[in-house]
Amino acid sequence: MKLLALEPDESVLDMGCGAGSIAIPLAQAGHPVIAADFSPAMLGTLDAGIEYYGLDDRITPLELAWDDDWDLVGPVAKAVDVAFASRSVTTTNLKGALVKLDRTARRRCAVTMVANSSPRYDLHLMNAIGASVTCSNGFVYAFNILIQMGALPQVTYFESPRRDTFDSLEAGVADFSRMLEHGNEDKVDRLRDYIAQHMIENPHAGEPGSKGVPQGRYMLDHVRKVRWAFIAWEPVSAPSS
């Protein structure tokens, strides 16, 4: 939200808004928000948040996917001051997605994309057990596409910490083994040994976690960090005549 650098009362499109983790605080700060997501379930949770916080006059939910025809179901061209997608650019047509954001915004566009391995992986753990990890270059492609479009994108990197908690060694192995795919399936024994050596008591066990469920009894002795690239640019598309 700080990197968006919104001006007072500016209208925004939050594309891939999920349950409203950004749309709701933006609306509370006085910004009219079009909150778009392809998932009816996410929009249902958003609706509950809108009702709870009394934001019916500030947030307009919209069921919308990247691959939809925005001329038919999306916001009209130059509908908002700022259009952004935070960690939600999930499409096989990256250029098409960037163009859609660009044409929707009057002043500023932005996307936040992962800048190392997928958030699903604990890169520190994977390196420690000798597992291979494919890093994402999507943000590099996005930057290059924007340059080709005639934009001058600005990139800011930041990290977000994550703590995975569990109630026993075997529960931890079961949880982290989801990372052992694409040729890493034979690393389960190394994973178990690593967790056994690095699991520590969680001082916040039982408290609500990031997903609303109680935290487990144990955690690893390092913080999992995900690096993100925040890419912002001034729209290059012209207003519709």
C-alpha atoms as a PDB file:
ATOM      1  CA  MET A   1       0.000   0.000   0.000  1.00  0.00           C
ATOM      2  CA  LYS A   2       2.869   2.366   0.764  1.00  0.00           C
ATOM      3  CA  LEU A   3       4.519   1.642  -2.580  1.00  0.00           C
ATOM      4  CA  LEU A   4       1.281   2.373  -4.449  1.00  0.00           C
ATOM      5  CA  ALA A   5       1.691   6.008  -3.346  1.00  0.00           C
ATOM      6  CA  LEU A   6      -1.984   6.817  -3.776  1.00  0.00           C
ATOM      7  CA  GLU A   7      -3.161  10.401  -3.680  1.00  0.00           C
ATOM      8  CA  PRO A   8      -6.194  11.331  -1.538  1.00  0.00           C
ATOM      9  CA  ASP A   9      -9.530   9.958  -2.781  1.00  0.00           C
ATOM     10  CA  GLU A  10      -8.014   8.311  -5.865  1.00  0.00           C
ATOM     11  CA  SER A  11     -10.058   5.454  -7.292  1.00  0.00           C
ATOM     12  CA  VAL A  12      -8.406   2.053  -7.724  1.00  0.00           C
ATOM     13  CA  LEU A  13      -8.824  -1.322  -9.384  1.00  0.00           C
ATOM     14  CA  ASP A  14      -7.607  -4.173  -7.166  1.00  0.00           C
ATOM     15  CA  MET A  15      -7.321  -7.034  -9.669  1.00  0.00           C
ATOM     16  CA  GLY A  16      -7.174 -10.422  -7.976  1.00  0.00           C
ATOM     17  CA  CYS A  17      -8.402  -8.900  -4.738  1.00  0.00           C
ATOM     18  CA  GLY A  18      -9.047 -12.209  -2.972  1.00  0.00           C
ATOM     19  CA  ALA A  19     -10.911 -11.690   0.271  1.00  0.00           C
ATOM     20  CA  GLY A  20     -10.083  -7.974   0.344  1.00  0.00           C
ATOM     21  CA  SER A  21      -6.859  -7.797   2.362  1.00  0.00           C
ATOM     22  CA  ILE A  22      -5.870  -4.657   0.411  1.00  0.00           C
ATOM     23  CA  ALA A  23      -9.239  -3.492  -0.931  1.00  0.00           C
ATOM     24  CA  ILE A  24     -10.783  -3.119   2.522  1.00  0.00           C
ATOM     25  CA  PRO A  25      -8.048  -0.938   4.089  1.00  0.00           C
ATOM     26  CA  LEU A  26      -7.905   1.166   0.916  1.00  0.00           C
ATOM     27  CA  ALA A  27     -11.650   1.742   1.126  1.00  0.00           C
ATOM     28  CA  GLN A  28     -11.340   2.569   4.818  1.00  0.00           C
ATOM     29  CA  ALA A  29      -8.745   5.184   3.831  1.00  0.00           C
ATOM     30  CA  GLY A  30     -11.314   6.837   1.554  1.00  0.00           C
ATOM     31  CA  HIS A  31     -10.530   5.318  -1.840  1.00  0.00           C
ATOM     32  CA  PRO A  32     -13.317   4.044  -4.125  1.00  0.00           C
ATOM     33  CA  VAL A  33     -12.294   0.475  -5.019  1.00  0.00           C
ATOM     34  CA  ILE A  34     -13.293  -1.887  -7.805  1.00  0.00           C
ATOM     35  CA  ALA A  35     -12.383  -5.230  -6.206  1.00  0.00           C
ATOM     36  CA  ALA A  36     -12.142  -7.874  -8.923  1.00  0.00           C
ATOM     37  CA  ASP A  37     -11.497 -11.600  -8.616  1.00  0.00           C
ATOM     38  CA  PHE A  38     -12.312 -14.721 -10.644  1.00  0.00           C
ATOM     39  CA  SER A  39     -13.329 -16.711  -7.533  1.00  0.00           C
ATOM     40  CA  PRO A  40     -16.960 -16.450  -6.340  1.00  0.00           C
ATOM     41  CA  ALA A  41     -15.845 -17.900  -2.994  1.00  0.00           C
ATOM     42  CA  MET A  42     -13.295 -15.111  -2.481  1.00  0.00           C
ATOM     43  CA  LEU A  43     -15.856 -12.497  -3.480  1.00  0.00           C
ATOM     44  CA  GLY A  44     -18.301 -14.025  -0.997  1.00  0.00           C
ATOM     45  CA  THR A  45     -15.757 -13.530   1.788  1.00  0.00           C
ATOM     46  CA  LEU A  46     -15.151 -10.001   0.514  1.00  0.00           C
ATOM     47  CA  ASP A  47     -18.902  -9.311   0.639  1.00  0.00           C
ATOM     48  CA  ALA A  48     -18.920 -10.331   4.297  1.00  0.00           C
ATOM     49  CA  GLY A  49     -16.048  -7.932   4.992  1.00  0.00           C
ATOM     50  CA  ILE A  50     -17.805  -5.112   3.156  1.00  0.00           C
ATOM     51  CA  GLU A  51     -20.905  -5.631   5.281  1.00  0.00           C
ATOM     52  CA  TYR A  52     -18.923  -5.962   8.517  1.00  0.00           C
ATOM     53  CA  TYR A  53     -17.002  -2.710   7.963  1.00  0.00           C
ATOM     54  CA  GLY A  54     -19.881  -0.819   6.339  1.00  0.00           C
ATOM     55  CA  LEU A  55     -18.104  -0.197   3.031  1.00  0.00           C
ATOM     56  CA  ASP A  56     -20.950  -0.725   0.560  1.00  0.00           C
ATOM     57  CA  ASP A  57     -20.471   2.771  -0.823  1.00  0.00           C
ATOM     58  CA  ARG A  58     -16.699   2.352  -1.251  1.00  0.00           C
ATOM     59  CA  ILE A  59     -16.127  -1.132  -2.704  1.00  0.00           C
ATOM     60  CA  THR A  60     -17.628  -2.490  -5.919  1.00  0.00           C
ATOM     61  CA  PRO A  61     -17.041  -6.270  -6.174  1.00  0.00           C
ATOM     62  CA  LEU A  62     -16.608  -7.649  -9.682  1.00  0.00           C
ATOM     63  CA  GLU A  63     -16.250 -11.268 -10.817  1.00  0.00           C
ATOM     64  CA  LEU A  64     -13.487 -11.006 -13.395  1.00  0.00           C
ATOM     65  CA  ALA A  65     -10.627 -13.166 -14.674  1.00  0.00           C
ATOM     66  CA  TRP A  66      -7.503 -12.087 -16.538  1.00  0.00           C
ATOM     67  CA  ASP A  67      -8.529 -14.067 -19.593  1.00  0.00           C
ATOM     68  CA  ASP A  68     -12.052 -12.617 -19.755  1.00  0.00           C
ATOM     69  CA  ASP A  69     -12.940 -10.117 -22.456  1.00  0.00           C
ATOM     70  CA  TRP A  70     -12.698  -6.926 -20.414  1.00  0.00           C
ATOM     71  CA  ASP A  71     -14.501  -5.002 -23.153  1.00  0.00           C
ATOM     72  CA  LEU A  72     -17.565  -7.050 -22.247  1.00  0.00           C
ATOM     73  CA  VAL A  73     -17.293  -7.692 -18.492  1.00  0.00           C
ATOM     74  CA  GLY A  74     -14.398  -5.619 -17.213  1.00  0.00           C
ATOM     75  CA  PRO A  75     -14.007  -2.002 -16.134  1.00  0.00           C
ATOM     76  CA  VAL A  76     -14.115   0.483 -18.988  1.00  0.00           C
ATOM     77  CA  ALA A  77     -10.978   2.154 -20.283  1.00  0.00           C
ATOM     78  CA  LYS A  78      -9.515   4.748 -17.898  1.00  0.00           C
ATOM     79  CA  ALA A  79     -12.133   3.820 -15.294  1.00  0.00           C
ATOM     80  CA  VAL A  80      -9.827   4.367 -12.298  1.00  0.00           C
ATOM     81  CA  ASP A  81      -6.852   6.467 -11.300  1.00  0.00           C
ATOM     82  CA  VAL A  82      -4.701   3.503 -10.280  1.00  0.00           C
ATOM     83  CA  ALA A  83      -4.905  -0.158 -11.354  1.00  0.00           C
ATOM     84  CA  PHE A  84      -2.857  -2.817  -9.630  1.00  0.00           C
ATOM     85  CA  ALA A  85      -2.525  -6.558  -9.097  1.00  0.00           C
ATOM     86  CA  SER A  86      -0.817  -7.684  -5.906  1.00  0.00           C
ATOM     87  CA  ARG A  87       0.629 -11.207  -6.160  1.00  0.00           C
ATOM     88  CA  SER A  88      -2.250 -12.196  -8.408  1.00  0.00           C
ATOM     89  CA  VAL A  89      -0.979 -12.127 -11.998  1.00  0.00           C
ATOM     90  CA  THR A  90      -1.985 -15.719 -12.790  1.00  0.00           C
ATOM     91  CA  THR A  91      -2.363 -15.989 -16.549  1.00  0.00           C
ATOM     92  CA  THR A  92      -0.639 -17.520 -19.551  1.00  0.00           C
ATOM     93  CA  ASN A  93      -0.954 -14.186 -21.372  1.00  0.00           C
ATOM     94  CA  LEU A  94       1.241 -11.868 -19.306  1.00  0.00           C
ATOM     95  CA  LYS A  95       1.348  -9.118 -21.929  1.00  0.00           C
ATOM     96  CA  GLY A  96      -2.426  -9.194 -22.244  1.00  0.00           C
ATOM     97  CA  ALA A  97      -2.771  -8.799 -18.469  1.00  0.00           C
ATOM     98  CA  LEU A  98      -0.395  -5.827 -18.361  1.00  0.00           C
ATOM     99  CA  VAL A  99      -2.177  -4.190 -21.279  1.00  0.00           C
ATOM    100  CA  LYS A 100      -5.528  -4.576 -19.502  1.00  0.00           C
ATOM    101  CA  LEU A 101      -4.219  -2.891 -16.364  1.00  0.00           C
ATOM    102  CA  ASP A 102      -2.615  -0.159 -18.461  1.00  0.00           C
ATOM    103  CA  ARG A 103      -5.797   0.662 -20.369  1.00  0.00           C
ATOM    104  CA  THR A 104      -7.886   0.755 -17.166  1.00  0.00           C
ATOM    105  CA  ALA A 105      -5.751   3.310 -15.284  1.00  0.00           C
ATOM    106  CA  ARG A 106      -5.454   7.042 -15.756  1.00  0.00           C
ATOM    107  CA  ARG A 107      -2.384   7.784 -13.614  1.00  0.00           C
ATOM    108  CA  ARG A 108      -0.529   4.714 -12.377  1.00  0.00           C
ATOM    109  CA  CYS A 109      -0.323   0.927 -12.698  1.00  0.00           C
ATOM    110  CA  ALA A 110       1.476  -1.645 -10.586  1.00  0.00           C
ATOM    111  CA  VAL A 111       1.989  -5.373 -10.176  1.00  0.00           C
ATOM    112  CA  THR A 112       3.688  -7.319  -7.415  1.00  0.00           C
ATOM    113  CA  MET A 113       5.310 -10.564  -8.577  1.00  0.00           C
ATOM    114  CA  VAL A 114       7.522 -13.133  -6.893  1.00  0.00           C
ATOM    115  CA  ALA A 115      11.230 -12.474  -7.457  1.00  0.00           C
ATOM    116  CA  ASN A 116      12.828 -15.744  -6.402  1.00  0.00           C
ATOM    117  CA  SER A 117      11.286 -19.173  -5.823  1.00  0.00           C
ATOM    118  CA  SER A 118       7.561 -19.732  -5.537  1.00  0.00           C
ATOM    119  CA  PRO A 119       6.011 -18.758  -2.173  1.00  0.00           C
ATOM    120  CA  ARG A 120       5.132 -22.442  -1.852  1.00  0.00           C
ATOM    121  CA  TYR A 121       8.797 -23.275  -1.208  1.00  0.00           C
ATOM    122  CA  ASP A 122      11.106 -22.676   1.732  1.00  0.00           C
ATOM    123  CA  LEU A 123      14.239 -21.848  -0.242  1.00  0.00           C
ATOM    124  CA  HIS A 124      16.507 -22.086   2.824  1.00  0.00           C
ATOM    125  CA  LEU A 125      15.221 -25.566   3.656  1.00  0.00           C
ATOM    126  CA  MET A 126      15.331 -26.770   0.048  1.00  0.00           C
ATOM    127  CA  ASN A 127      18.951 -25.682  -0.338  1.00  0.00           C
ATOM    128  CA  ALA A 128      19.872 -27.316   2.974  1.00  0.00           C
ATOM    129  CA  ILE A 129      18.587 -30.745   1.893  1.00  0.00           C
ATOM    130  CA  GLY A 130      19.981 -30.490  -1.628  1.00  0.00           C
ATOM    131  CA  ALA A 131      16.624 -30.195  -3.370  1.00  0.00           C
ATOM    132  CA  SER A 132      16.324 -28.393  -6.689  1.00  0.00           C
ATOM    133  CA  VAL A 133      14.137 -25.304  -6.940  1.00  0.00           C
ATOM    134  CA  THR A 134      13.083 -23.444 -10.057  1.00  0.00           C
ATOM    135  CA  CYS A 135      13.087 -19.692  -9.559  1.00  0.00           C
ATOM    136  CA  SER A 136      10.454 -17.528 -11.206  1.00  0.00           C
ATOM    137  CA  ASN A 137      11.464 -15.079 -13.915  1.00  0.00           C
ATOM    138  CA  GLY A 138       7.966 -13.749 -14.498  1.00  0.00           C
ATOM    139  CA  PHE A 139       8.864 -10.339 -13.103  1.00  0.00           C
ATOM    140  CA  VAL A 140      11.736 -10.071 -15.603  1.00  0.00           C
ATOM    141  CA  TYR A 141       9.374 -10.844 -18.477  1.00  0.00           C
ATOM    142  CA  ALA A 142       6.899  -8.277 -17.130  1.00  0.00           C
ATOM    143  CA  PHE A 143       9.608  -5.601 -16.992  1.00  0.00           C
ATOM    144  CA  ASN A 144      10.726  -6.343 -20.551  1.00  0.00           C
ATOM    145  CA  ILE A 145       7.161  -6.388 -21.871  1.00  0.00           C
ATOM    146  CA  LEU A 146       6.509  -2.987 -20.309  1.00  0.00           C
ATOM    147  CA  ILE A 147       9.664  -1.600 -21.900  1.00  0.00           C
ATOM    148  CA  GLN A 148       8.453  -2.919 -25.275  1.00  0.00           C
ATOM    149  CA  MET A 149       5.093  -1.236 -24.641  1.00  0.00           C
ATOM    150  CA  GLY A 150       6.890   2.091 -24.245  1.00  0.00           C
ATOM    151  CA  ALA A 151       6.593   2.335 -20.453  1.00  0.00           C
ATOM    152  CA  LEU A 152       9.378   3.215 -18.019  1.00  0.00           C
ATOM    153  CA  PRO A 153       8.773   0.701 -15.214  1.00  0.00           C
ATOM    154  CA  GLN A 154      10.241   1.244 -11.762  1.00  0.00           C
ATOM    155  CA  VAL A 155      11.079  -1.803  -9.629  1.00  0.00           C
ATOM    156  CA  THR A 156      11.246  -2.034  -5.840  1.00  0.00           C
ATOM    157  CA  TYR A 157      12.147  -5.272  -4.075  1.00  0.00           C
ATOM    158  CA  PHE A 158      10.912  -6.292  -0.642  1.00  0.00           C
ATOM    159  CA  GLU A 159      10.668  -9.446   1.439  1.00  0.00           C
ATOM    160  CA  SER A 160       7.777 -10.871   3.396  1.00  0.00           C
ATOM    161  CA  PRO A 161       8.438 -13.291   6.286  1.00  0.00           C
ATOM    162  CA  ARG A 162       6.483 -16.504   6.769  1.00  0.00           C
ATOM    163  CA  ARG A 163       6.401 -18.905   9.703  1.00  0.00           C
ATOM    164  CA  ASP A 164       5.271 -22.479   9.170  1.00  0.00           C
ATOM    165  CA  THR A 165       4.157 -24.179  12.387  1.00  0.00           C
ATOM    166  CA  PHE A 166       3.278 -27.782  13.174  1.00  0.00           C
ATOM    167  CA  ASP A 167       2.420 -29.983  16.179  1.00  0.00           C
ATOM    168  CA  SER A 168       4.890 -32.855  15.740  1.00  0.00           C
ATOM    169  CA  LEU A 169       7.864 -34.003  13.692  1.00  0.00           C
ATOM    170  CA  GLU A 170       5.715 -36.176  11.458  1.00  0.00           C
ATOM    171  CA  ALA A 171       3.180 -33.379  10.997  1.00  0.00           C
ATOM    172  CA  GLY A 172       6.004 -31.104   9.918  1.00  0.00           C
ATOM    173  CA  VAL A 173       7.317 -33.696   7.472  1.00  0.00           C
ATOM    174  CA  ALA A 174       3.833 -34.170   6.026  1.00  0.00           C
ATOM    175  CA  ASP A 175       3.403 -30.414   5.611  1.00  0.00           C
ATOM    176  CA  PHE A 176       6.826 -29.622   4.112  1.00  0.00           C
ATOM    177  CA  SER A 177       6.858 -32.693   1.864  1.00  0.00           C
ATOM    178  CA  ARG A 178       4.422 -30.803  -0.387  1.00  0.00           C
ATOM    179  CA  MET A 179       7.530 -28.945  -1.579  1.00  0.00           C
ATOM    180  CA  LEU A 180       9.219 -32.155  -2.734  1.00  0.00           C
ATOM    181  CA  GLU A 181       8.034 -32.388  -6.301  1.00  0.00           C
ATOM    182  CA  HIS A 182       9.572 -32.245  -9.761  1.00  0.00           C
ATOM    183  CA  GLY A 183      12.325 -34.760  -8.998  1.00  0.00           C
ATOM    184  CA  ASN A 184      12.760 -34.065  -5.277  1.00  0.00           C
ATOM    185  CA  GLU A 185      10.481 -36.851  -4.062  1.00  0.00           C
ATOM    186  CA  ASP A 186      13.474 -38.921  -2.870  1.00  0.00           C
ATOM    187  CA  LYS A 187      14.514 -36.224  -0.364  1.00  0.00           C
ATOM    188  CA  VAL A 188      11.930 -37.137   2.314  1.00  0.00           C
ATOM    189  CA  ASP A 189      14.510 -38.718   4.660  1.00  0.00           C
ATOM    190  CA  ARG A 190      16.753 -35.647   4.384  1.00  0.00           C
ATOM    191  CA  LEU A 191      13.714 -33.468   5.035  1.00  0.00           C
ATOM    192  CA  ARG A 192      12.850 -35.428   8.170  1.00  0.00           C
ATOM    193  CA  ASP A 193      16.429 -35.183   9.457  1.00  0.00           C
ATOM    194  CA  TYR A 194      16.527 -31.440   8.803  1.00  0.00           C
ATOM    195  CA  ILE A 195      13.245 -30.769  10.586  1.00  0.00           C
ATOM    196  CA  ALA A 196      14.286 -32.949  13.539  1.00  0.00           C
ATOM    197  CA  GLN A 197      17.476 -30.896  13.936  1.00  0.00           C
ATOM    198  CA  HIS A 198      15.908 -27.469  13.424  1.00  0.00           C
ATOM    199  CA  MET A 199      12.448 -27.619  15.029  1.00  0.00           C
ATOM    200  CA  ILE A 200      12.021 -25.420  18.084  1.00  0.00           C
ATOM    201  CA  GLU A 201       9.156 -24.576  20.429  1.00  0.00           C
ATOM    202  CA  ASN A 202       6.765 -21.958  19.075  1.00  0.00           C
ATOM    203  CA  PRO A 203       6.201 -19.274  21.742  1.00  0.00           C
ATOM    204  CA  HIS A 204       2.938 -18.311  20.037  1.00  0.00           C
ATOM    205  CA  ALA A 205       1.452 -21.808  19.860  1.00  0.00           C
ATOM    206  CA  GLY A 206      -2.345 -21.730  19.929  1.00  0.00           C
ATOM    207  CA  GLU A 207      -2.594 -18.115  18.824  1.00  0.00           C
ATOM    208  CA  PRO A 208      -4.291 -17.338  15.479  1.00  0.00           C
ATOM    209  CA  GLY A 209      -1.937 -17.809  12.558  1.00  0.00           C
ATOM    210  CA  SER A 210      -1.777 -15.984   9.232  1.00  0.00           C
ATOM    211  CA  LYS A 211      -4.608 -18.120   7.850  1.00  0.00           C
ATOM    212  CA  GLY A 212      -6.772 -17.756  10.934  1.00  0.00           C
ATOM    213  CA  VAL A 213      -6.091 -21.249  12.314  1.00  0.00           C
ATOM    214  CA  PRO A 214      -4.252 -21.815  15.615  1.00  0.00           C
ATOM    215  CA  GLN A 215      -0.484 -21.972  15.344  1.00  0.00           C
ATOM    216  CA  GLY A 216       1.232 -25.280  15.975  1.00  0.00           C
ATOM    217  CA  ARG A 217       3.476 -26.247  18.860  1.00  0.00           C
ATOM    218  CA  TYR A 218       6.712 -26.158  16.835  1.00  0.00           C
ATOM    219  CA  MET A 219       8.380 -24.090  14.136  1.00  0.00           C
ATOM    220  CA  LEU A 220      11.730 -24.099  12.357  1.00  0.00           C
ATOM    221  CA  ASP A 221      14.642 -22.046  13.686  1.00  0.00           C
ATOM    222  CA  HIS A 222      14.723 -19.811  10.618  1.00  0.00           C
ATOM    223  CA  VAL A 223      12.182 -17.448   9.087  1.00  0.00           C
ATOM    224  CA  ARG A 224      11.055 -18.309   5.562  1.00  0.00           C
ATOM    225  CA  LYS A 225      11.375 -15.214   3.385  1.00  0.00           C
ATOM    226  CA  VAL A 226       9.714 -14.581   0.050  1.00  0.00           C
ATOM    227  CA  ARG A 227      11.189 -11.875  -2.174  1.00  0.00           C
ATOM    228  CA  TRP A 228       8.799  -9.786  -4.260  1.00  0.00           C
ATOM    229  CA  ALA A 229       9.232  -7.300  -7.097  1.00  0.00           C
ATOM    230  CA  PHE A 230       6.877  -4.311  -7.074  1.00  0.00           C
ATOM    231  CA  ILE A 231       6.757  -2.944 -10.629  1.00  0.00           C
ATOM    232  CA  ALA A 232       5.030   0.402 -11.230  1.00  0.00           C
ATOM    233  CA  TRP A 233       4.573   2.471 -14.362  1.00  0.00           C
ATOM    234  CA  GLU A 234       2.605   5.347 -15.857  1.00  0.00           C
ATOM    235  CA  PRO A 235      -0.021   4.134 -18.341  1.00  0.00           C
ATOM    236  CA  VAL A 236       0.996   4.393 -21.970  1.00  0.00           C
ATOM    237  CA  SER A 237      -2.362   3.626 -23.579  1.00  0.00           C
ATOM    238  CA  ALA A 238      -4.392   6.572 -24.819  1.00  0.00           C
ATOM    239  CA  PRO A 239      -7.926   7.305 -23.550  1.00  0.00           C
ATOM    240  CA  SER A 240     -10.740   5.983 -25.719  1.00  0.00           C
ATOM    241  CA  SER A 241     -12.094   8.519 -28.160  1.00  0.00           C
END
